[in-house]
Amino acid sequence: MSLNVVAVITAKPGSEDAVREAMKALVAPTREEEGCLSYHLSESTATPGTFITVEEWSAPSDLDLHMQTPHIQEALTVLGSELAAPPAIHPLNPLD
């Protein structure tokens, strides 16, 4: 059974452009990862500067590996000072 995940990343005021560009740069390499079934990045229209990824992974272990990839580790390092809060990562448990 696959794993669906939603991640919420919130930029500090004034850092929206930097976070937007860094998040966009993660899309292509993430989609190439083994175990990534889908990865979509959006920005909230209600709260600009709030970025949401909607992801599907083959297994929880694939998400674990994703979090250790160089592109994610680099983004977390670079964006650490640009974020209003740590990324909120929500693995989902389907109820239907």
Protein backbone atom coordinates (compact mmCIF):
# COMPACT_ATOMS: atom_id res chain seq x y z
CA MET A 1 0.00 0.00 0.00
CA SER A 2 1.34 3.44 -0.92
CA LEU A 3 1.79 6.35 1.47
CA ASN A 4 0.21 9.76 0.87
CA VAL A 5 1.87 12.78 2.45
CA VAL A 6 1.09 16.47 2.69
CA ALA A 7 3.86 18.86 3.71
CA VAL A 8 3.32 22.50 4.63
CA ILE A 9 6.25 24.90 4.37
CA THR A 10 5.76 28.50 5.52
CA ALA A 11 8.12 31.29 4.51
CA LYS A 12 9.01 34.15 6.82
CA PRO A 13 7.61 37.49 5.66
CA GLY A 14 10.00 38.84 3.04
CA SER A 15 11.39 35.38 2.21
CA GLU A 16 8.54 34.20 -0.01
CA ASP A 17 10.46 34.50 -3.29
CA ALA A 18 13.54 32.66 -1.98
CA VAL A 19 11.44 29.84 -0.54
CA ARG A 20 9.30 29.62 -3.69
CA GLU A 21 12.38 29.21 -5.90
CA ALA A 22 13.99 26.67 -3.58
CA MET A 23 10.78 24.63 -3.43
CA LYS A 24 10.38 24.70 -7.20
CA ALA A 25 13.94 23.39 -7.54
CA LEU A 26 13.01 20.29 -5.51
CA VAL A 27 10.23 19.12 -7.83
CA ALA A 28 12.24 17.55 -10.68
CA PRO A 29 14.81 15.66 -8.56
CA THR A 30 12.12 14.44 -6.19
CA ARG A 31 9.99 13.10 -9.05
CA GLU A 32 13.04 11.13 -10.23
CA GLU A 33 13.48 9.36 -6.90
CA GLU A 34 12.77 5.66 -6.71
CA GLY A 35 9.50 5.17 -4.89
CA CYS A 36 8.05 8.58 -5.76
CA LEU A 37 4.69 7.97 -7.39
CA SER A 38 3.70 11.65 -7.47
CA TYR A 39 4.93 14.96 -6.10
CA HIS A 40 3.00 18.21 -6.60
CA LEU A 41 3.94 21.65 -5.29
CA SER A 42 1.42 24.45 -4.79
CA GLU A 43 1.31 27.82 -3.07
CA SER A 44 -1.71 28.82 -1.04
CA THR A 45 -3.79 31.58 -2.61
CA ALA A 46 -5.31 32.28 0.81
CA THR A 47 -1.90 32.66 2.48
CA PRO A 48 0.83 33.49 -0.04
CA GLY A 49 4.19 32.22 1.14
CA THR A 50 2.66 28.97 2.38
CA PHE A 51 3.78 26.11 0.17
CA ILE A 52 2.14 22.69 0.12
CA THR A 53 3.43 19.47 -1.36
CA VAL A 54 1.03 16.61 -2.04
CA GLU A 55 3.04 13.44 -2.39
CA GLU A 56 2.56 9.73 -2.92
CA TRP A 57 5.31 7.24 -2.11
CA SER A 58 5.45 3.51 -2.76
CA ALA A 59 6.24 2.82 0.91
CA PRO A 60 7.06 4.70 4.12
CA SER A 61 10.71 3.73 3.68
CA ASP A 62 10.75 5.68 0.39
CA LEU A 63 9.67 8.82 2.26
CA ASP A 64 12.42 8.17 4.81
CA LEU A 65 14.98 7.91 2.00
CA HIS A 66 13.58 11.06 0.38
CA MET A 67 14.21 13.04 3.55
CA GLN A 68 17.88 11.98 3.44
CA THR A 69 18.55 12.87 -0.20
CA PRO A 70 21.16 15.56 -0.87
CA HIS A 71 18.61 17.89 -2.51
CA ILE A 72 16.29 17.79 0.51
CA GLN A 73 19.12 18.13 3.02
CA GLU A 74 20.55 21.08 1.09
CA ALA A 75 17.15 22.76 0.87
CA LEU A 76 16.55 22.34 4.60
CA THR A 77 19.96 23.86 5.34
CA VAL A 78 19.56 26.76 2.93
CA LEU A 79 15.96 27.50 3.89
CA GLY A 80 16.33 27.03 7.62
CA SER A 81 16.64 30.76 8.24
CA GLU A 82 13.96 31.61 5.65
CA LEU A 83 11.14 29.58 7.20
CA ALA A 84 8.62 30.81 9.77
CA ALA A 85 8.48 27.31 11.31
CA PRO A 86 9.92 23.86 10.63
CA PRO A 87 8.20 22.06 7.74
CA ALA A 88 5.04 20.28 8.88
CA ILE A 89 5.03 16.82 7.29
CA HIS A 90 1.78 14.90 7.49
CA PRO A 91 1.75 11.22 6.47
CA LEU A 92 -1.92 10.44 5.88
CA ASN A 93 -4.04 7.55 7.07
CA PRO A 94 -7.00 7.09 4.66
CA LEU A 95 -10.34 6.86 6.40
CA ASP A 96 -12.52 5.96 3.42
